[in-house]
Amino acid sequence: MERNIINILKEGLADRSLMPAISESGSKTSTNYLQLAADVALVQKEIKALGMEKGNTIGICGKNTSLWAASYLAVLCSGGTALLIDEKT
């Protein structure tokens, strides 16, 4: 199997579904692989409903949170390119 972020996420979901996938800096909050996969699927559904197609570039601007990470992964899993925009600019 090719090693890429999508396959690593799938492996994490299969092997460690309830273990932390993302921990938020400065917080005791974490998101497990199962919740991360659900968030990615939800964002994928929303961006596809907005007309996102494979090969599109999608801008992501926001604070470093688990939802930001899920948005990034959703764009990649949908075949797009994520354009990361610093929220402070």
PDB file of N, CA and C in Angstrom:
ATOM      1  N   MET A   1       0.847  -1.181   0.000  1.00  0.00           N
ATOM      2  CA  MET A   1       0.000   0.000   0.000  1.00  0.00           C
ATOM      3  C   MET A   1       0.893   1.246   0.000  1.00  0.00           C
ATOM      4  N   GLU A   2       0.538   2.201  -0.828  1.00  0.00           N
ATOM      5  CA  GLU A   2       1.281   3.457  -0.902  1.00  0.00           C
ATOM      6  C   GLU A   2       1.149   4.209   0.424  1.00  0.00           C
ATOM      7  N   ARG A   3       2.263   4.776   0.901  1.00  0.00           N
ATOM      8  CA  ARG A   3       2.249   5.546   2.147  1.00  0.00           C
ATOM      9  C   ARG A   3       1.938   7.002   1.821  1.00  0.00           C
ATOM     10  N   ASN A   4       0.741   7.419   2.150  1.00  0.00           N
ATOM     11  CA  ASN A   4       0.365   8.818   2.018  1.00  0.00           C
ATOM     12  C   ASN A   4      -0.580   9.153   3.159  1.00  0.00           C
ATOM     13  N   ILE A   5      -0.908  10.407   3.295  1.00  0.00           N
ATOM     14  CA  ILE A   5      -1.702  10.854   4.443  1.00  0.00           C
ATOM     15  C   ILE A   5      -3.065  10.174   4.490  1.00  0.00           C
ATOM     16  N   ILE A   6      -3.650   9.909   3.351  1.00  0.00           N
ATOM     17  CA  ILE A   6      -4.963   9.261   3.320  1.00  0.00           C
ATOM     18  C   ILE A   6      -4.871   7.838   3.855  1.00  0.00           C
ATOM     19  N   ASN A   7      -3.872   7.093   3.412  1.00  0.00           N
ATOM     20  CA  ASN A   7      -3.713   5.716   3.887  1.00  0.00           C
ATOM     21  C   ASN A   7      -3.307   5.666   5.357  1.00  0.00           C
ATOM     22  N   ILE A   8      -2.512   6.616   5.802  1.00  0.00           N
ATOM     23  CA  ILE A   8      -2.148   6.670   7.218  1.00  0.00           C
ATOM     24  C   ILE A   8      -3.389   6.919   8.064  1.00  0.00           C
ATOM     25  N   LEU A   9      -4.267   7.781   7.616  1.00  0.00           N
ATOM     26  CA  LEU A   9      -5.521   8.038   8.333  1.00  0.00           C
ATOM     27  C   LEU A   9      -6.381   6.776   8.370  1.00  0.00           C
ATOM     28  N   LYS A  10      -6.463   6.070   7.261  1.00  0.00           N
ATOM     29  CA  LYS A  10      -7.239   4.821   7.220  1.00  0.00           C
ATOM     30  C   LYS A  10      -6.662   3.778   8.167  1.00  0.00           C
ATOM     31  N   GLU A  11      -5.330   3.666   8.209  1.00  0.00           N
ATOM     32  CA  GLU A  11      -4.690   2.724   9.119  1.00  0.00           C
ATOM     33  C   GLU A  11      -4.994   3.089  10.571  1.00  0.00           C
ATOM     34  N   GLY A  12      -4.915   4.374  10.872  1.00  0.00           N
ATOM     35  CA  GLY A  12      -5.219   4.835  12.228  1.00  0.00           C
ATOM     36  C   GLY A  12      -6.638   4.529  12.616  1.00  0.00           C
ATOM     37  N   LEU A  13      -7.554   4.681  11.691  1.00  0.00           N
ATOM     38  CA  LEU A  13      -8.956   4.395  11.954  1.00  0.00           C
ATOM     39  C   LEU A  13      -9.162   2.903  12.219  1.00  0.00           C
ATOM     40  N   ALA A  14      -8.488   2.069  11.443  1.00  0.00           N
ATOM     41  CA  ALA A  14      -8.648   0.620  11.588  1.00  0.00           C
ATOM     42  C   ALA A  14      -8.011   0.105  12.874  1.00  0.00           C
ATOM     43  N   ASP A  15      -6.837   0.629  13.217  1.00  0.00           N
ATOM     44  CA  ASP A  15      -6.073   0.090  14.342  1.00  0.00           C
ATOM     45  C   ASP A  15      -6.294   0.819  15.660  1.00  0.00           C
ATOM     46  N   ARG A  16      -6.608   2.093  15.605  1.00  0.00           N
ATOM     47  CA  ARG A  16      -6.637   2.904  16.822  1.00  0.00           C
ATOM     48  C   ARG A  16      -7.839   3.842  16.861  1.00  0.00           C
ATOM     49  N   SER A  17      -8.995   3.389  16.510  1.00  0.00           N
ATOM     50  CA  SER A  17     -10.151   4.269  16.310  1.00  0.00           C
ATOM     51  C   SER A  17     -10.468   5.170  17.502  1.00  0.00           C
ATOM     52  N   LEU A  18     -10.233   4.705  18.711  1.00  0.00           N
ATOM     53  CA  LEU A  18     -10.574   5.520  19.880  1.00  0.00           C
ATOM     54  C   LEU A  18      -9.367   6.205  20.509  1.00  0.00           C
ATOM     55  N   MET A  19      -8.206   6.056  19.898  1.00  0.00           N
ATOM     56  CA  MET A  19      -7.004   6.718  20.410  1.00  0.00           C
ATOM     57  C   MET A  19      -6.906   8.124  19.818  1.00  0.00           C
ATOM     58  N   PRO A  20      -6.230   9.021  20.519  1.00  0.00           N
ATOM     59  CA  PRO A  20      -6.104  10.392  20.007  1.00  0.00           C
ATOM     60  C   PRO A  20      -5.380  10.454  18.668  1.00  0.00           C
ATOM     61  N   ALA A  21      -5.960  11.191  17.737  1.00  0.00           N
ATOM     62  CA  ALA A  21      -5.338  11.439  16.436  1.00  0.00           C
ATOM     63  C   ALA A  21      -4.734  12.835  16.426  1.00  0.00           C
ATOM     64  N   ILE A  22      -5.441  13.774  17.068  1.00  0.00           N
ATOM     65  CA  ILE A  22      -5.012  15.174  17.097  1.00  0.00           C
ATOM     66  C   ILE A  22      -5.226  15.708  18.507  1.00  0.00           C
ATOM     67  N   SER A  23      -4.210  16.362  19.028  1.00  0.00           N
ATOM     68  CA  SER A  23      -4.328  17.056  20.313  1.00  0.00           C
ATOM     69  C   SER A  23      -4.170  18.542  20.046  1.00  0.00           C
ATOM     70  N   GLU A  24      -5.055  19.317  20.615  1.00  0.00           N
ATOM     71  CA  GLU A  24      -5.006  20.755  20.384  1.00  0.00           C
ATOM     72  C   GLU A  24      -4.005  21.406  21.329  1.00  0.00           C
ATOM     73  N   SER A  25      -3.157  22.240  20.775  1.00  0.00           N
ATOM     74  CA  SER A  25      -2.122  22.921  21.537  1.00  0.00           C
ATOM     75  C   SER A  25      -2.746  23.807  22.617  1.00  0.00           C
ATOM     76  N   GLY A  26      -2.202  23.726  23.814  1.00  0.00           N
ATOM     77  CA  GLY A  26      -2.687  24.562  24.911  1.00  0.00           C
ATOM     78  C   GLY A  26      -4.024  24.121  25.466  1.00  0.00           C
ATOM     79  N   SER A  27      -4.461  22.933  25.108  1.00  0.00           N
ATOM     80  CA  SER A  27      -5.755  22.433  25.556  1.00  0.00           C
ATOM     81  C   SER A  27      -5.627  20.966  25.935  1.00  0.00           C
ATOM     82  N   LYS A  28      -6.519  20.520  26.775  1.00  0.00           N
ATOM     83  CA  LYS A  28      -6.533  19.103  27.137  1.00  0.00           C
ATOM     84  C   LYS A  28      -7.447  18.309  26.199  1.00  0.00           C
ATOM     85  N   THR A  29      -7.958  18.985  25.188  1.00  0.00           N
ATOM     86  CA  THR A  29      -8.876  18.376  24.237  1.00  0.00           C
ATOM     87  C   THR A  29      -8.117  17.610  23.163  1.00  0.00           C
ATOM     88  N   SER A  30      -8.638  16.440  22.809  1.00  0.00           N
ATOM     89  CA  SER A  30      -8.076  15.698  21.684  1.00  0.00           C
ATOM     90  C   SER A  30      -9.221  15.097  20.877  1.00  0.00           C
ATOM     91  N   THR A  31      -8.915  14.774  19.643  1.00  0.00           N
ATOM     92  CA  THR A  31      -9.883  14.161  18.734  1.00  0.00           C
ATOM     93  C   THR A  31      -9.357  12.793  18.360  1.00  0.00           C
ATOM     94  N   ASN A  32     -10.203  11.760  18.542  1.00  0.00           N
ATOM     95  CA  ASN A  32      -9.748  10.406  18.189  1.00  0.00           C
ATOM     96  C   ASN A  32      -9.916  10.171  16.687  1.00  0.00           C
ATOM     97  N   TYR A  33      -9.350   9.074  16.215  1.00  0.00           N
ATOM     98  CA  TYR A  33      -9.386   8.769  14.777  1.00  0.00           C
ATOM     99  C   TYR A  33     -10.813   8.613  14.260  1.00  0.00           C
ATOM    100  N   LEU A  34     -11.688   8.030  15.051  1.00  0.00           N
ATOM    101  CA  LEU A  34     -13.073   7.836  14.622  1.00  0.00           C
ATOM    102  C   LEU A  34     -13.773   9.175  14.415  1.00  0.00           C
ATOM    103  N   GLN A  35     -13.600  10.097  15.363  1.00  0.00           N
ATOM    104  CA  GLN A  35     -14.213  11.418  15.231  1.00  0.00           C
ATOM    105  C   GLN A  35     -13.573  12.206  14.095  1.00  0.00           C
ATOM    106  N   LEU A  36     -12.257  12.091  13.950  1.00  0.00           N
ATOM    107  CA  LEU A  36     -11.574  12.776  12.857  1.00  0.00           C
ATOM    108  C   LEU A  36     -12.101  12.295  11.507  1.00  0.00           C
ATOM    109  N   ALA A  37     -12.273  10.990  11.366  1.00  0.00           N
ATOM    110  CA  ALA A  37     -12.808  10.438  10.110  1.00  0.00           C
ATOM    111  C   ALA A  37     -14.225  10.962   9.855  1.00  0.00           C
ATOM    112  N   ALA A  38     -15.029  11.057  10.903  1.00  0.00           N
ATOM    113  CA  ALA A  38     -16.392  11.581  10.755  1.00  0.00           C
ATOM    114  C   ALA A  38     -16.364  13.053  10.348  1.00  0.00           C
ATOM    115  N   ASP A  39     -15.463  13.825  10.949  1.00  0.00           N
ATOM    116  CA  ASP A  39     -15.342  15.246  10.606  1.00  0.00           C
ATOM    117  C   ASP A  39     -14.869  15.419   9.162  1.00  0.00           C
ATOM    118  N   VAL A  40     -13.907  14.599   8.746  1.00  0.00           N
ATOM    119  CA  VAL A  40     -13.409  14.656   7.366  1.00  0.00           C
ATOM    120  C   VAL A  40     -14.546  14.349   6.391  1.00  0.00           C
ATOM    121  N   ALA A  41     -15.327  13.306   6.688  1.00  0.00           N
ATOM    122  CA  ALA A  41     -16.444  12.931   5.808  1.00  0.00           C
ATOM    123  C   ALA A  41     -17.475  14.057   5.718  1.00  0.00           C
ATOM    124  N   LEU A  42     -17.755  14.711   6.836  1.00  0.00           N
ATOM    125  CA  LEU A  42     -18.720  15.808   6.849  1.00  0.00           C
ATOM    126  C   LEU A  42     -18.225  16.988   6.009  1.00  0.00           C
ATOM    127  N   VAL A  43     -16.960  17.346   6.189  1.00  0.00           N
ATOM    128  CA  VAL A  43     -16.406  18.459   5.409  1.00  0.00           C
ATOM    129  C   VAL A  43     -16.361  18.092   3.926  1.00  0.00           C
ATOM    130  N   GLN A  44     -15.995  16.846   3.613  1.00  0.00           N
ATOM    131  CA  GLN A  44     -15.994  16.407   2.207  1.00  0.00           C
ATOM    132  C   GLN A  44     -17.377  16.576   1.590  1.00  0.00           C
ATOM    133  N   LYS A  45     -18.397  16.169   2.317  1.00  0.00           N
ATOM    134  CA  LYS A  45     -19.773  16.281   1.817  1.00  0.00           C
ATOM    135  C   LYS A  45     -20.127  17.746   1.553  1.00  0.00           C
ATOM    136  N   GLU A  46     -19.732  18.615   2.472  1.00  0.00           N
ATOM    137  CA  GLU A  46     -20.054  20.040   2.330  1.00  0.00           C
ATOM    138  C   GLU A  46     -19.315  20.692   1.161  1.00  0.00           C
ATOM    139  N   ILE A  47     -18.016  20.397   1.010  1.00  0.00           N
ATOM    140  CA  ILE A  47     -17.277  21.047  -0.085  1.00  0.00           C
ATOM    141  C   ILE A  47     -17.708  20.499  -1.444  1.00  0.00           C
ATOM    142  N   LYS A  48     -18.105  19.233  -1.494  1.00  0.00           N
ATOM    143  CA  LYS A  48     -18.619  18.685  -2.757  1.00  0.00           C
ATOM    144  C   LYS A  48     -19.964  19.324  -3.104  1.00  0.00           C
ATOM    145  N   ALA A  49     -20.792  19.575  -2.076  1.00  0.00           N
ATOM    146  CA  ALA A  49     -22.085  20.233  -2.303  1.00  0.00           C
ATOM    147  C   ALA A  49     -21.890  21.663  -2.815  1.00  0.00           C
ATOM    148  N   LEU A  50     -20.753  22.272  -2.457  1.00  0.00           N
ATOM    149  CA  LEU A  50     -20.440  23.619  -2.930  1.00  0.00           C
ATOM    150  C   LEU A  50     -19.805  23.622  -4.324  1.00  0.00           C
ATOM    151  N   GLY A  51     -19.596  22.416  -4.891  1.00  0.00           N
ATOM    152  CA  GLY A  51     -19.092  22.322  -6.250  1.00  0.00           C
ATOM    153  C   GLY A  51     -17.630  21.940  -6.383  1.00  0.00           C
ATOM    154  N   MET A  52     -16.990  21.546  -5.290  1.00  0.00           N
ATOM    155  CA  MET A  52     -15.582  21.156  -5.369  1.00  0.00           C
ATOM    156  C   MET A  52     -15.436  19.896  -6.203  1.00  0.00           C
ATOM    157  N   GLU A  53     -14.458  19.923  -7.123  1.00  0.00           N
ATOM    158  CA  GLU A  53     -14.167  18.767  -7.967  1.00  0.00           C
ATOM    159  C   GLU A  53     -12.699  18.411  -7.831  1.00  0.00           C
ATOM    160  N   LYS A  54     -12.367  17.192  -8.207  1.00  0.00           N
ATOM    161  CA  LYS A  54     -10.982  16.737  -8.165  1.00  0.00           C
ATOM    162  C   LYS A  54     -10.115  17.710  -8.963  1.00  0.00           C
ATOM    163  N   GLY A  55      -8.997  18.096  -8.377  1.00  0.00           N
ATOM    164  CA  GLY A  55      -8.092  19.028  -9.033  1.00  0.00           C
ATOM    165  C   GLY A  55      -8.281  20.482  -8.621  1.00  0.00           C
ATOM    166  N   ASN A  56      -9.384  20.804  -7.946  1.00  0.00           N
ATOM    167  CA  ASN A  56      -9.620  22.176  -7.485  1.00  0.00           C
ATOM    168  C   ASN A  56      -8.668  22.547  -6.349  1.00  0.00           C
ATOM    169  N   THR A  57      -8.432  23.833  -6.219  1.00  0.00           N
ATOM    170  CA  THR A  57      -7.675  24.369  -5.088  1.00  0.00           C
ATOM    171  C   THR A  57      -8.665  25.027  -4.146  1.00  0.00           C
ATOM    172  N   ILE A  58      -8.580  24.661  -2.878  1.00  0.00           N
ATOM    173  CA  ILE A  58      -9.491  25.181  -1.858  1.00  0.00           C
ATOM    174  C   ILE A  58      -8.670  25.903  -0.802  1.00  0.00           C
ATOM    175  N   GLY A  59      -9.022  27.150  -0.497  1.00  0.00           N
ATOM    176  CA  GLY A  59      -8.344  27.910   0.556  1.00  0.00           C
ATOM    177  C   GLY A  59      -8.905  27.546   1.921  1.00  0.00           C
ATOM    178  N   ILE A  60      -8.008  27.409   2.888  1.00  0.00           N
ATOM    179  CA  ILE A  60      -8.411  27.111   4.267  1.00  0.00           C
ATOM    180  C   ILE A  60      -7.788  28.170   5.165  1.00  0.00           C
ATOM    181  N   CYS A  61      -8.637  28.894   5.878  1.00  0.00           N
ATOM    182  CA  CYS A  61      -8.174  29.939   6.785  1.00  0.00           C
ATOM    183  C   CYS A  61      -8.863  29.740   8.123  1.00  0.00           C
ATOM    184  N   GLY A  62      -8.086  29.723   9.183  1.00  0.00           N
ATOM    185  CA  GLY A  62      -8.677  29.571  10.500  1.00  0.00           C
ATOM    186  C   GLY A  62      -7.629  29.236  11.533  1.00  0.00           C
ATOM    187  N   LYS A  63      -8.073  29.110  12.764  1.00  0.00           N
ATOM    188  CA  LYS A  63      -7.170  28.755  13.852  1.00  0.00           C
ATOM    189  C   LYS A  63      -6.778  27.288  13.730  1.00  0.00           C
ATOM    190  N   ASN A  64      -5.626  26.955  14.284  1.00  0.00           N
ATOM    191  CA  ASN A  64      -5.149  25.571  14.301  1.00  0.00           C
ATOM    192  C   ASN A  64      -6.007  24.757  15.268  1.00  0.00           C
ATOM    193  N   THR A  65      -7.007  24.081  14.726  1.00  0.00           N
ATOM    194  CA  THR A  65      -7.902  23.255  15.534  1.00  0.00           C
ATOM    195  C   THR A  65      -8.096  21.920  14.824  1.00  0.00           C
ATOM    196  N   SER A  66      -8.775  21.018  15.491  1.00  0.00           N
ATOM    197  CA  SER A  66      -9.037  19.724  14.852  1.00  0.00           C
ATOM    198  C   SER A  66      -9.931  19.890  13.629  1.00  0.00           C
ATOM    199  N   LEU A  67     -10.832  20.863  13.640  1.00  0.00           N
ATOM    200  CA  LEU A  67     -11.686  21.099  12.466  1.00  0.00           C
ATOM    201  C   LEU A  67     -10.862  21.628  11.291  1.00  0.00           C
ATOM    202  N   TRP A  68      -9.857  22.449  11.569  1.00  0.00           N
ATOM    203  CA  TRP A  68      -8.963  22.908  10.513  1.00  0.00           C
ATOM    204  C   TRP A  68      -8.253  21.712   9.894  1.00  0.00           C
ATOM    205  N   ALA A  69      -7.748  20.811  10.743  1.00  0.00           N
ATOM    206  CA  ALA A  69      -7.051  19.612  10.254  1.00  0.00           C
ATOM    207  C   ALA A  69      -8.005  18.738   9.440  1.00  0.00           C
ATOM    208  N   ALA A  70      -9.236  18.590   9.907  1.00  0.00           N
ATOM    209  CA  ALA A  70     -10.225  17.797   9.182  1.00  0.00           C
ATOM    210  C   ALA A  70     -10.526  18.430   7.819  1.00  0.00           C
ATOM    211  N   SER A  71     -10.568  19.743   7.766  1.00  0.00           N
ATOM    212  CA  SER A  71     -10.808  20.439   6.501  1.00  0.00           C
ATOM    213  C   SER A  71      -9.669  20.201   5.525  1.00  0.00           C
ATOM    214  N   TYR A  72      -8.452  20.281   6.034  1.00  0.00           N
ATOM    215  CA  TYR A  72      -7.265  20.021   5.212  1.00  0.00           C
ATOM    216  C   TYR A  72      -7.313  18.597   4.652  1.00  0.00           C
ATOM    217  N   LEU A  73      -7.572  17.629   5.522  1.00  0.00           N
ATOM    218  CA  LEU A  73      -7.627  16.224   5.100  1.00  0.00           C
ATOM    219  C   LEU A  73      -8.781  15.983   4.123  1.00  0.00           C
ATOM    220  N   ALA A  74      -9.907  16.659   4.331  1.00  0.00           N
ATOM    221  CA  ALA A  74     -11.060  16.495   3.438  1.00  0.00           C
ATOM    222  C   ALA A  74     -10.729  16.965   2.028  1.00  0.00           C
ATOM    223  N   VAL A  75     -10.008  18.072   1.920  1.00  0.00           N
ATOM    224  CA  VAL A  75      -9.614  18.566   0.599  1.00  0.00           C
ATOM    225  C   VAL A  75      -8.693  17.549  -0.077  1.00  0.00           C
ATOM    226  N   LEU A  76      -7.695  17.047   0.669  1.00  0.00           N
ATOM    227  CA  LEU A  76      -6.774  16.058   0.103  1.00  0.00           C
ATOM    228  C   LEU A  76      -7.509  14.784  -0.299  1.00  0.00           C
ATOM    229  N   CYS A  77      -8.393  14.298   0.574  1.00  0.00           N
ATOM    230  CA  CYS A  77      -9.128  13.060   0.289  1.00  0.00           C
ATOM    231  C   CYS A  77     -10.080  13.217  -0.896  1.00  0.00           C
ATOM    232  N   SER A  78     -10.453  14.448  -1.203  1.00  0.00           N
ATOM    233  CA  SER A  78     -11.342  14.710  -2.333  1.00  0.00           C
ATOM    234  C   SER A  78     -10.577  14.950  -3.630  1.00  0.00           C
ATOM    235  N   GLY A  79      -9.258  14.853  -3.555  1.00  0.00           N
ATOM    236  CA  GLY A  79      -8.452  15.030  -4.752  1.00  0.00           C
ATOM    237  C   GLY A  79      -8.091  16.458  -5.066  1.00  0.00           C
ATOM    238  N   GLY A  80      -8.251  17.337  -4.090  1.00  0.00           N
ATOM    239  CA  GLY A  80      -7.950  18.737  -4.300  1.00  0.00           C
ATOM    240  C   GLY A  80      -6.611  19.134  -3.718  1.00  0.00           C
ATOM    241  N   THR A  81      -6.293  20.401  -3.884  1.00  0.00           N
ATOM    242  CA  THR A  81      -5.097  21.000  -3.313  1.00  0.00           C
ATOM    243  C   THR A  81      -5.548  22.021  -2.274  1.00  0.00           C
ATOM    244  N   ALA A  82      -4.966  21.922  -1.082  1.00  0.00           N
ATOM    245  CA  ALA A  82      -5.320  22.854  -0.005  1.00  0.00           C
ATOM    246  C   ALA A  82      -4.368  24.038  -0.027  1.00  0.00           C
ATOM    247  N   LEU A  83      -4.926  25.225  -0.094  1.00  0.00           N
ATOM    248  CA  LEU A  83      -4.151  26.471  -0.015  1.00  0.00           C
ATOM    249  C   LEU A  83      -4.316  26.978   1.411  1.00  0.00           C
ATOM    250  N   LEU A  84      -3.253  26.895   2.188  1.00  0.00           N
ATOM    251  CA  LEU A  84      -3.306  27.267   3.599  1.00  0.00           C
ATOM    252  C   LEU A  84      -3.076  28.764   3.756  1.00  0.00           C
ATOM    253  N   ILE A  85      -4.021  29.432   4.407  1.00  0.00           N
ATOM    254  CA  ILE A  85      -3.970  30.880   4.572  1.00  0.00           C
ATOM    255  C   ILE A  85      -3.842  31.178   6.058  1.00  0.00           C
ATOM    256  N   ASP A  86      -2.805  31.927   6.420  1.00  0.00           N
ATOM    257  CA  ASP A  86      -2.590  32.296   7.820  1.00  0.00           C
ATOM    258  C   ASP A  86      -3.693  33.233   8.249  1.00  0.00           C
ATOM    259  N   GLU A  87      -4.375  32.877   9.310  1.00  0.00           N
ATOM    260  CA  GLU A  87      -5.504  33.696   9.771  1.00  0.00           C
ATOM    261  C   GLU A  87      -5.078  35.069  10.263  1.00  0.00           C
ATOM    262  N   LYS A  88      -3.795  35.255  10.545  1.00  0.00           N
ATOM    263  CA  LYS A  88      -3.313  36.510  11.089  1.00  0.00           C
ATOM    264  C   LYS A  88      -2.910  37.511  10.024  1.00  0.00           C
ATOM    265  N   THR A  89      -3.012  37.121   8.745  1.00  0.00           N
ATOM    266  CA  THR A  89      -2.622  38.047   7.675  1.00  0.00           C
ATOM    267  C   THR A  89      -3.809  38.747   7.081  1.00  0.00           C
TER     268      THR A  89
END
